[in-house]
Amino acid sequence: MQTSDLSVDDMQKSSDFSQPYSVKDDVVTKVPFKNIDGIAPAGSIDSSINEMSHYMILHLGDGTYEGKRIVSEKKPATDAHWPDRNASGGALQIGGSRPTIYAMGWVETTFRGHHMVWHNGGIDGFHSLLTMLPEDKIGVVLLSNTGENMALEPIAYAMFDRLLGLRPIPGSIDTKRCGTKQRRPRRKPRKRKFSWPNPALNPPIPLRILPVNT
């Protein structure tokens, strides 16, 4: 990975780099680069589709790249693909995927019965996704220079369907989510009436006579 860097300032010194854009109300607008060096581990890696593909190939292999061992056989890269703790939220779940689990830097789940790991990222004007089916030796890298691009996951899953020879699940790719209208309309918060104290919540024994353990 010869051209990847850790700062948008360094990226702009390159002879070839993408400009950031946002989409609002079907209007594409160029936005400023956002420097997040202060929280660099959260999303400061700048790379290309070519170099991210090489990184993915390493993870889909046996720890070697172009005949050279990069990761120890005793601690293979695939160890990072297995769960460490529960996680919630994340990428759009399609076709019988089970809940997501957080592994070592990867989100681990299933795609239509196939073991899947993925991670996405995004800052102002950019969005990315790297997702793999390790046991099937299949992976997809998608980079977008529009922020919050909701099309990446459906595109990746459609590619998995084709590569696995599976019929797409009807309705699994919502064209509305893949278009330029990326933000869901915000609902107005409903006004709720609360009454306090609530007689139904009063304890059966007055608090003043409850025993205190010391």
C-alpha atoms as a PDB file:
ATOM      1  CA  MET A   1       0.000   0.000   0.000  1.00  0.00           C
ATOM      2  CA  GLN A   2       2.234   2.715  -1.342  1.00  0.00           C
ATOM      3  CA  THR A   3      -0.162   5.652  -1.630  1.00  0.00           C
ATOM      4  CA  SER A   4      -2.508   5.195   1.345  1.00  0.00           C
ATOM      5  CA  ASP A   5      -2.153   7.774   4.108  1.00  0.00           C
ATOM      6  CA  LEU A   6      -3.633   8.861   7.435  1.00  0.00           C
ATOM      7  CA  SER A   7      -4.701  12.444   6.813  1.00  0.00           C
ATOM      8  CA  VAL A   8      -6.834  14.322   4.292  1.00  0.00           C
ATOM      9  CA  ASP A   9      -4.052  16.925   4.258  1.00  0.00           C
ATOM     10  CA  ASP A  10      -1.600  14.316   2.980  1.00  0.00           C
ATOM     11  CA  MET A  11      -4.171  12.953   0.546  1.00  0.00           C
ATOM     12  CA  GLN A  12      -4.503  16.332  -1.149  1.00  0.00           C
ATOM     13  CA  LYS A  13      -0.771  16.332  -1.876  1.00  0.00           C
ATOM     14  CA  SER A  14      -1.326  13.375  -4.192  1.00  0.00           C
ATOM     15  CA  SER A  15      -1.497  13.891  -7.942  1.00  0.00           C
ATOM     16  CA  ASP A  16      -4.816  12.017  -8.068  1.00  0.00           C
ATOM     17  CA  PHE A  17      -7.440  12.229  -5.318  1.00  0.00           C
ATOM     18  CA  SER A  18     -11.217  12.428  -5.027  1.00  0.00           C
ATOM     19  CA  GLN A  19     -13.225  15.500  -4.115  1.00  0.00           C
ATOM     20  CA  PRO A  20     -15.886  15.185  -1.379  1.00  0.00           C
ATOM     21  CA  TYR A  21     -19.576  15.747  -2.099  1.00  0.00           C
ATOM     22  CA  SER A  22     -22.898  15.575  -0.309  1.00  0.00           C
ATOM     23  CA  VAL A  23     -26.397  15.002  -1.646  1.00  0.00           C
ATOM     24  CA  LYS A  24     -29.374  16.877  -0.233  1.00  0.00           C
ATOM     25  CA  ASP A  25     -32.796  17.115  -1.837  1.00  0.00           C
ATOM     26  CA  ASP A  26     -31.392  15.513  -5.010  1.00  0.00           C
ATOM     27  CA  VAL A  27     -28.754  18.257  -5.304  1.00  0.00           C
ATOM     28  CA  VAL A  28     -25.067  17.265  -5.363  1.00  0.00           C
ATOM     29  CA  THR A  29     -22.846  19.795  -3.601  1.00  0.00           C
ATOM     30  CA  LYS A  30     -19.110  19.886  -3.114  1.00  0.00           C
ATOM     31  CA  VAL A  31     -18.154  20.046   0.560  1.00  0.00           C
ATOM     32  CA  PRO A  32     -14.874  20.933   2.319  1.00  0.00           C
ATOM     33  CA  PHE A  33     -12.411  18.244   3.322  1.00  0.00           C
ATOM     34  CA  LYS A  34     -12.769  17.463   7.022  1.00  0.00           C
ATOM     35  CA  ASN A  35      -9.596  16.916   8.995  1.00  0.00           C
ATOM     36  CA  ILE A  36     -10.119  14.444  11.843  1.00  0.00           C
ATOM     37  CA  ASP A  37      -6.466  13.918  12.799  1.00  0.00           C
ATOM     38  CA  GLY A  38      -7.483  14.363  16.439  1.00  0.00           C
ATOM     39  CA  ILE A  39      -9.488  11.121  16.270  1.00  0.00           C
ATOM     40  CA  ALA A  40      -7.472   9.517  13.479  1.00  0.00           C
ATOM     41  CA  PRO A  41      -8.161   5.856  14.387  1.00  0.00           C
ATOM     42  CA  ALA A  42     -11.890   6.516  13.882  1.00  0.00           C
ATOM     43  CA  GLY A  43     -11.619   7.199  10.165  1.00  0.00           C
ATOM     44  CA  SER A  44      -8.473   8.854   8.869  1.00  0.00           C
ATOM     45  CA  ILE A  45      -7.265   6.118   6.534  1.00  0.00           C
ATOM     46  CA  ASP A  46      -7.285   7.375   2.957  1.00  0.00           C
ATOM     47  CA  SER A  47      -6.769   4.732   0.302  1.00  0.00           C
ATOM     48  CA  SER A  48      -7.638   3.686  -3.238  1.00  0.00           C
ATOM     49  CA  ILE A  49      -9.733   0.884  -4.657  1.00  0.00           C
ATOM     50  CA  ASN A  50      -6.542  -0.744  -5.938  1.00  0.00           C
ATOM     51  CA  GLU A  51      -4.749  -0.800  -2.591  1.00  0.00           C
ATOM     52  CA  MET A  52      -7.826  -1.758  -0.574  1.00  0.00           C
ATOM     53  CA  SER A  53      -8.288  -4.686  -2.968  1.00  0.00           C
ATOM     54  CA  HIS A  54      -4.768  -5.892  -2.147  1.00  0.00           C
ATOM     55  CA  TYR A  55      -5.558  -5.590   1.562  1.00  0.00           C
ATOM     56  CA  MET A  56      -8.715  -7.631   1.042  1.00  0.00           C
ATOM     57  CA  ILE A  57      -6.826 -10.313  -0.912  1.00  0.00           C
ATOM     58  CA  LEU A  58      -4.470 -10.724   2.065  1.00  0.00           C
ATOM     59  CA  HIS A  59      -7.440 -11.330   4.377  1.00  0.00           C
ATOM     60  CA  LEU A  60      -9.009 -13.809   1.968  1.00  0.00           C
ATOM     61  CA  GLY A  61      -5.782 -15.783   1.723  1.00  0.00           C
ATOM     62  CA  ASP A  62      -3.543 -17.698   4.099  1.00  0.00           C
ATOM     63  CA  GLY A  63      -1.542 -14.747   5.404  1.00  0.00           C
ATOM     64  CA  THR A  64       0.747 -14.535   2.380  1.00  0.00           C
ATOM     65  CA  TYR A  65       0.790 -11.957  -0.382  1.00  0.00           C
ATOM     66  CA  GLU A  66       2.586 -12.431  -3.683  1.00  0.00           C
ATOM     67  CA  GLY A  67       4.516 -15.338  -2.177  1.00  0.00           C
ATOM     68  CA  LYS A  68       5.656 -13.425   0.908  1.00  0.00           C
ATOM     69  CA  ARG A  69       4.353 -14.234   4.376  1.00  0.00           C
ATOM     70  CA  ILE A  70       2.845 -11.156   5.992  1.00  0.00           C
ATOM     71  CA  VAL A  71       0.915 -12.695   8.887  1.00  0.00           C
ATOM     72  CA  SER A  72       2.264 -15.478  11.101  1.00  0.00           C
ATOM     73  CA  GLU A  73       0.919 -18.987  10.526  1.00  0.00           C
ATOM     74  CA  LYS A  74       0.523 -19.286  14.308  1.00  0.00           C
ATOM     75  CA  LYS A  75      -1.811 -16.263  14.366  1.00  0.00           C
ATOM     76  CA  PRO A  76      -3.489 -16.100  10.941  1.00  0.00           C
ATOM     77  CA  ALA A  77      -5.345 -13.034   9.717  1.00  0.00           C
ATOM     78  CA  THR A  78      -8.556 -15.055   9.720  1.00  0.00           C
ATOM     79  CA  ASP A  79      -8.469 -15.087  13.542  1.00  0.00           C
ATOM     80  CA  ALA A  80      -9.548 -11.451  13.363  1.00  0.00           C
ATOM     81  CA  HIS A  81     -12.747 -12.495  11.582  1.00  0.00           C
ATOM     82  CA  TRP A  82     -14.290 -14.269  14.551  1.00  0.00           C
ATOM     83  CA  PRO A  83     -16.364 -12.710  17.302  1.00  0.00           C
ATOM     84  CA  ASP A  84     -15.155 -11.045  20.438  1.00  0.00           C
ATOM     85  CA  ARG A  85     -18.295  -9.275  21.674  1.00  0.00           C
ATOM     86  CA  ASN A  86     -21.866  -8.484  20.761  1.00  0.00           C
ATOM     87  CA  ALA A  87     -22.571  -5.444  18.632  1.00  0.00           C
ATOM     88  CA  SER A  88     -25.714  -3.702  17.494  1.00  0.00           C
ATOM     89  CA  GLY A  89     -26.690  -1.692  14.451  1.00  0.00           C
ATOM     90  CA  GLY A  90     -24.437  -1.496  11.403  1.00  0.00           C
ATOM     91  CA  ALA A  91     -24.932  -2.503   7.811  1.00  0.00           C
ATOM     92  CA  LEU A  92     -28.251  -3.403   6.278  1.00  0.00           C
ATOM     93  CA  GLN A  93     -29.099  -7.037   7.052  1.00  0.00           C
ATOM     94  CA  ILE A  94     -30.287  -9.136   4.104  1.00  0.00           C
ATOM     95  CA  GLY A  95     -31.691 -12.616   3.737  1.00  0.00           C
ATOM     96  CA  GLY A  96     -31.521 -14.413   7.062  1.00  0.00           C
ATOM     97  CA  SER A  97     -28.482 -12.675   8.471  1.00  0.00           C
ATOM     98  CA  ARG A  98     -28.098 -13.242  12.185  1.00  0.00           C
ATOM     99  CA  PRO A  99     -27.269 -10.463  14.664  1.00  0.00           C
ATOM    100  CA  THR A 100     -23.928  -8.749  14.201  1.00  0.00           C
ATOM    101  CA  ILE A 101     -20.958  -9.557  16.424  1.00  0.00           C
ATOM    102  CA  TYR A 102     -17.843  -7.421  16.758  1.00  0.00           C
ATOM    103  CA  ALA A 103     -14.609  -9.271  16.035  1.00  0.00           C
ATOM    104  CA  MET A 104     -11.060  -7.843  15.972  1.00  0.00           C
ATOM    105  CA  GLY A 105     -11.719  -4.738  13.900  1.00  0.00           C
ATOM    106  CA  TRP A 106     -14.380  -6.499  11.836  1.00  0.00           C
ATOM    107  CA  VAL A 107     -18.136  -6.857  12.173  1.00  0.00           C
ATOM    108  CA  GLU A 108     -18.996 -10.539  11.904  1.00  0.00           C
ATOM    109  CA  THR A 109     -22.352 -11.911  10.789  1.00  0.00           C
ATOM    110  CA  THR A 110     -23.809 -14.099   8.019  1.00  0.00           C
ATOM    111  CA  PHE A 111     -25.139 -13.413   4.549  1.00  0.00           C
ATOM    112  CA  ARG A 112     -27.748 -15.945   3.428  1.00  0.00           C
ATOM    113  CA  GLY A 113     -26.027 -18.665   5.409  1.00  0.00           C
ATOM    114  CA  HIS A 114     -22.487 -17.667   4.448  1.00  0.00           C
ATOM    115  CA  HIS A 115     -20.015 -16.363   7.021  1.00  0.00           C
ATOM    116  CA  MET A 116     -19.555 -12.630   6.378  1.00  0.00           C
ATOM    117  CA  VAL A 117     -17.246  -9.987   7.846  1.00  0.00           C
ATOM    118  CA  TRP A 118     -17.350  -6.306   6.986  1.00  0.00           C
ATOM    119  CA  HIS A 119     -16.424  -2.828   8.033  1.00  0.00           C
ATOM    120  CA  ASN A 120     -17.530   0.490   6.670  1.00  0.00           C
ATOM    121  CA  GLY A 121     -16.424   4.046   7.226  1.00  0.00           C
ATOM    122  CA  GLY A 122     -17.252   7.581   6.385  1.00  0.00           C
ATOM    123  CA  ILE A 123     -16.533  11.226   6.994  1.00  0.00           C
ATOM    124  CA  ASP A 124     -17.884  14.354   5.370  1.00  0.00           C
ATOM    125  CA  GLY A 125     -18.087  13.677   1.630  1.00  0.00           C
ATOM    126  CA  PHE A 126     -16.833  10.087   1.655  1.00  0.00           C
ATOM    127  CA  HIS A 127     -18.228   6.638   2.414  1.00  0.00           C
ATOM    128  CA  SER A 128     -16.651   3.196   2.066  1.00  0.00           C
ATOM    129  CA  LEU A 129     -17.374  -0.486   2.564  1.00  0.00           C
ATOM    130  CA  LEU A 130     -15.190  -3.580   2.589  1.00  0.00           C
ATOM    131  CA  THR A 131     -17.117  -6.827   3.015  1.00  0.00           C
ATOM    132  CA  MET A 132     -16.015 -10.436   2.593  1.00  0.00           C
ATOM    133  CA  LEU A 133     -17.270 -14.008   2.629  1.00  0.00           C
ATOM    134  CA  PRO A 134     -13.949 -15.515   3.828  1.00  0.00           C
ATOM    135  CA  GLU A 135     -14.780 -19.203   3.419  1.00  0.00           C
ATOM    136  CA  ASP A 136     -16.049 -18.538  -0.110  1.00  0.00           C
ATOM    137  CA  LYS A 137     -12.957 -16.433  -0.977  1.00  0.00           C
ATOM    138  CA  ILE A 138     -15.212 -13.602  -2.140  1.00  0.00           C
ATOM    139  CA  GLY A 139     -14.917  -9.950  -1.234  1.00  0.00           C
ATOM    140  CA  VAL A 140     -16.131  -6.549  -2.375  1.00  0.00           C
ATOM    141  CA  VAL A 141     -14.626  -3.094  -1.857  1.00  0.00           C
ATOM    142  CA  LEU A 142     -16.724  -0.033  -2.618  1.00  0.00           C
ATOM    143  CA  LEU A 143     -15.617   3.585  -2.275  1.00  0.00           C
ATOM    144  CA  SER A 144     -17.850   6.606  -2.752  1.00  0.00           C
ATOM    145  CA  ASN A 145     -17.093  10.310  -2.704  1.00  0.00           C
ATOM    146  CA  THR A 146     -20.531  11.189  -1.373  1.00  0.00           C
ATOM    147  CA  GLY A 147     -21.202  11.063   2.324  1.00  0.00           C
ATOM    148  CA  GLU A 148     -23.708   8.619   3.837  1.00  0.00           C
ATOM    149  CA  ASN A 149     -24.112   6.712   0.591  1.00  0.00           C
ATOM    150  CA  MET A 150     -26.824   4.135   1.299  1.00  0.00           C
ATOM    151  CA  ALA A 151     -26.213   2.293  -1.970  1.00  0.00           C
ATOM    152  CA  LEU A 152     -22.998   0.523  -0.966  1.00  0.00           C
ATOM    153  CA  GLU A 153     -24.437  -2.364   1.056  1.00  0.00           C
ATOM    154  CA  PRO A 154     -27.189  -3.240  -1.468  1.00  0.00           C
ATOM    155  CA  ILE A 155     -24.624  -3.163  -4.290  1.00  0.00           C
ATOM    156  CA  ALA A 156     -22.272  -5.466  -2.380  1.00  0.00           C
ATOM    157  CA  TYR A 157     -25.061  -7.909  -1.537  1.00  0.00           C
ATOM    158  CA  ALA A 158     -26.264  -7.976  -5.139  1.00  0.00           C
ATOM    159  CA  MET A 159     -22.710  -8.872  -6.184  1.00  0.00           C
ATOM    160  CA  PHE A 160     -22.591 -11.653  -3.581  1.00  0.00           C
ATOM    161  CA  ASP A 161     -25.865 -13.047  -4.950  1.00  0.00           C
ATOM    162  CA  ARG A 162     -24.412 -13.199  -8.448  1.00  0.00           C
ATOM    163  CA  LEU A 163     -21.061 -14.643  -7.417  1.00  0.00           C
ATOM    164  CA  LEU A 164     -22.746 -17.299  -5.278  1.00  0.00           C
ATOM    165  CA  GLY A 165     -25.310 -18.096  -7.957  1.00  0.00           C
ATOM    166  CA  LEU A 166     -28.222 -17.171  -5.670  1.00  0.00           C
ATOM    167  CA  ARG A 167     -31.508 -15.676  -6.699  1.00  0.00           C
ATOM    168  CA  PRO A 168     -31.924 -12.182  -5.268  1.00  0.00           C
ATOM    169  CA  ILE A 169     -34.497 -11.943  -2.506  1.00  0.00           C
ATOM    170  CA  PRO A 170     -37.452  -9.881  -3.781  1.00  0.00           C
ATOM    171  CA  GLY A 171     -37.323  -6.441  -2.262  1.00  0.00           C
ATOM    172  CA  SER A 172     -33.854  -6.953  -0.782  1.00  0.00           C
ATOM    173  CA  ILE A 173     -32.527  -4.011  -2.777  1.00  0.00           C
ATOM    174  CA  ASP A 174     -34.640  -0.947  -2.209  1.00  0.00           C
ATOM    175  CA  THR A 175     -34.055   1.366  -5.148  1.00  0.00           C
ATOM    176  CA  LYS A 176     -35.217   4.299  -3.074  1.00  0.00           C
ATOM    177  CA  ARG A 177     -32.371   3.669  -0.651  1.00  0.00           C
ATOM    178  CA  CYS A 178     -29.889   3.335  -3.503  1.00  0.00           C
ATOM    179  CA  GLY A 179     -30.781   6.651  -5.102  1.00  0.00           C
ATOM    180  CA  THR A 180     -29.886  10.173  -4.224  1.00  0.00           C
ATOM    181  CA  LYS A 181     -32.563  10.466  -1.569  1.00  0.00           C
ATOM    182  CA  GLN A 182     -30.311   9.015   1.095  1.00  0.00           C
ATOM    183  CA  ARG A 183     -31.758  10.466   4.259  1.00  0.00           C
ATOM    184  CA  ARG A 184     -34.944   9.135   5.708  1.00  0.00           C
ATOM    185  CA  PRO A 185     -37.502  11.847   6.449  1.00  0.00           C
ATOM    186  CA  ARG A 186     -37.470  12.804  10.083  1.00  0.00           C
ATOM    187  CA  ARG A 187     -40.685  12.198  11.909  1.00  0.00           C
ATOM    188  CA  LYS A 188     -42.026  14.846  14.181  1.00  0.00           C
ATOM    189  CA  PRO A 189     -41.736  13.684  17.792  1.00  0.00           C
ATOM    190  CA  ARG A 190     -45.039  12.722  19.296  1.00  0.00           C
ATOM    191  CA  LYS A 191     -46.112  14.593  22.385  1.00  0.00           C
ATOM    192  CA  ARG A 192     -46.618  12.254  25.285  1.00  0.00           C
ATOM    193  CA  LYS A 193     -48.448  13.049  28.448  1.00  0.00           C
ATOM    194  CA  PHE A 194     -46.789  11.987  31.674  1.00  0.00           C
ATOM    195  CA  SER A 195     -48.289  12.184  35.106  1.00  0.00           C
ATOM    196  CA  TRP A 196     -46.180  11.988  38.214  1.00  0.00           C
ATOM    197  CA  PRO A 197     -46.389  10.490  40.661  1.00  0.00           C
ATOM    198  CA  ASN A 198     -48.020   7.481  39.049  1.00  0.00           C
ATOM    199  CA  PRO A 199     -50.142   5.574  41.600  1.00  0.00           C
ATOM    200  CA  ALA A 200     -49.445   2.329  39.772  1.00  0.00           C
ATOM    201  CA  LEU A 201     -45.741   2.707  40.545  1.00  0.00           C
ATOM    202  CA  ASN A 202     -46.082   3.302  44.289  1.00  0.00           C
ATOM    203  CA  PRO A 203     -44.223   0.616  46.310  1.00  0.00           C
ATOM    204  CA  PRO A 204     -46.395  -1.746  48.394  1.00  0.00           C
ATOM    205  CA  ILE A 205     -44.371  -0.834  51.509  1.00  0.00           C
ATOM    206  CA  PRO A 206     -43.716   2.810  52.415  1.00  0.00           C
ATOM    207  CA  LEU A 207     -40.079   3.646  51.664  1.00  0.00           C
ATOM    208  CA  ARG A 208     -39.485   5.022  55.155  1.00  0.00           C
ATOM    209  CA  ILE A 209     -39.848   1.579  56.758  1.00  0.00           C
ATOM    210  CA  LEU A 210     -37.872  -0.491  54.234  1.00  0.00           C
ATOM    211  CA  PRO A 211     -34.879  -2.254  55.829  1.00  0.00           C
ATOM    212  CA  VAL A 212     -31.388  -1.072  54.909  1.00  0.00           C
ATOM    213  CA  ASN A 213     -28.630  -3.683  54.563  1.00  0.00           C
ATOM    214  CA  THR A 214     -25.279  -2.593  55.963  1.00  0.00           C
END
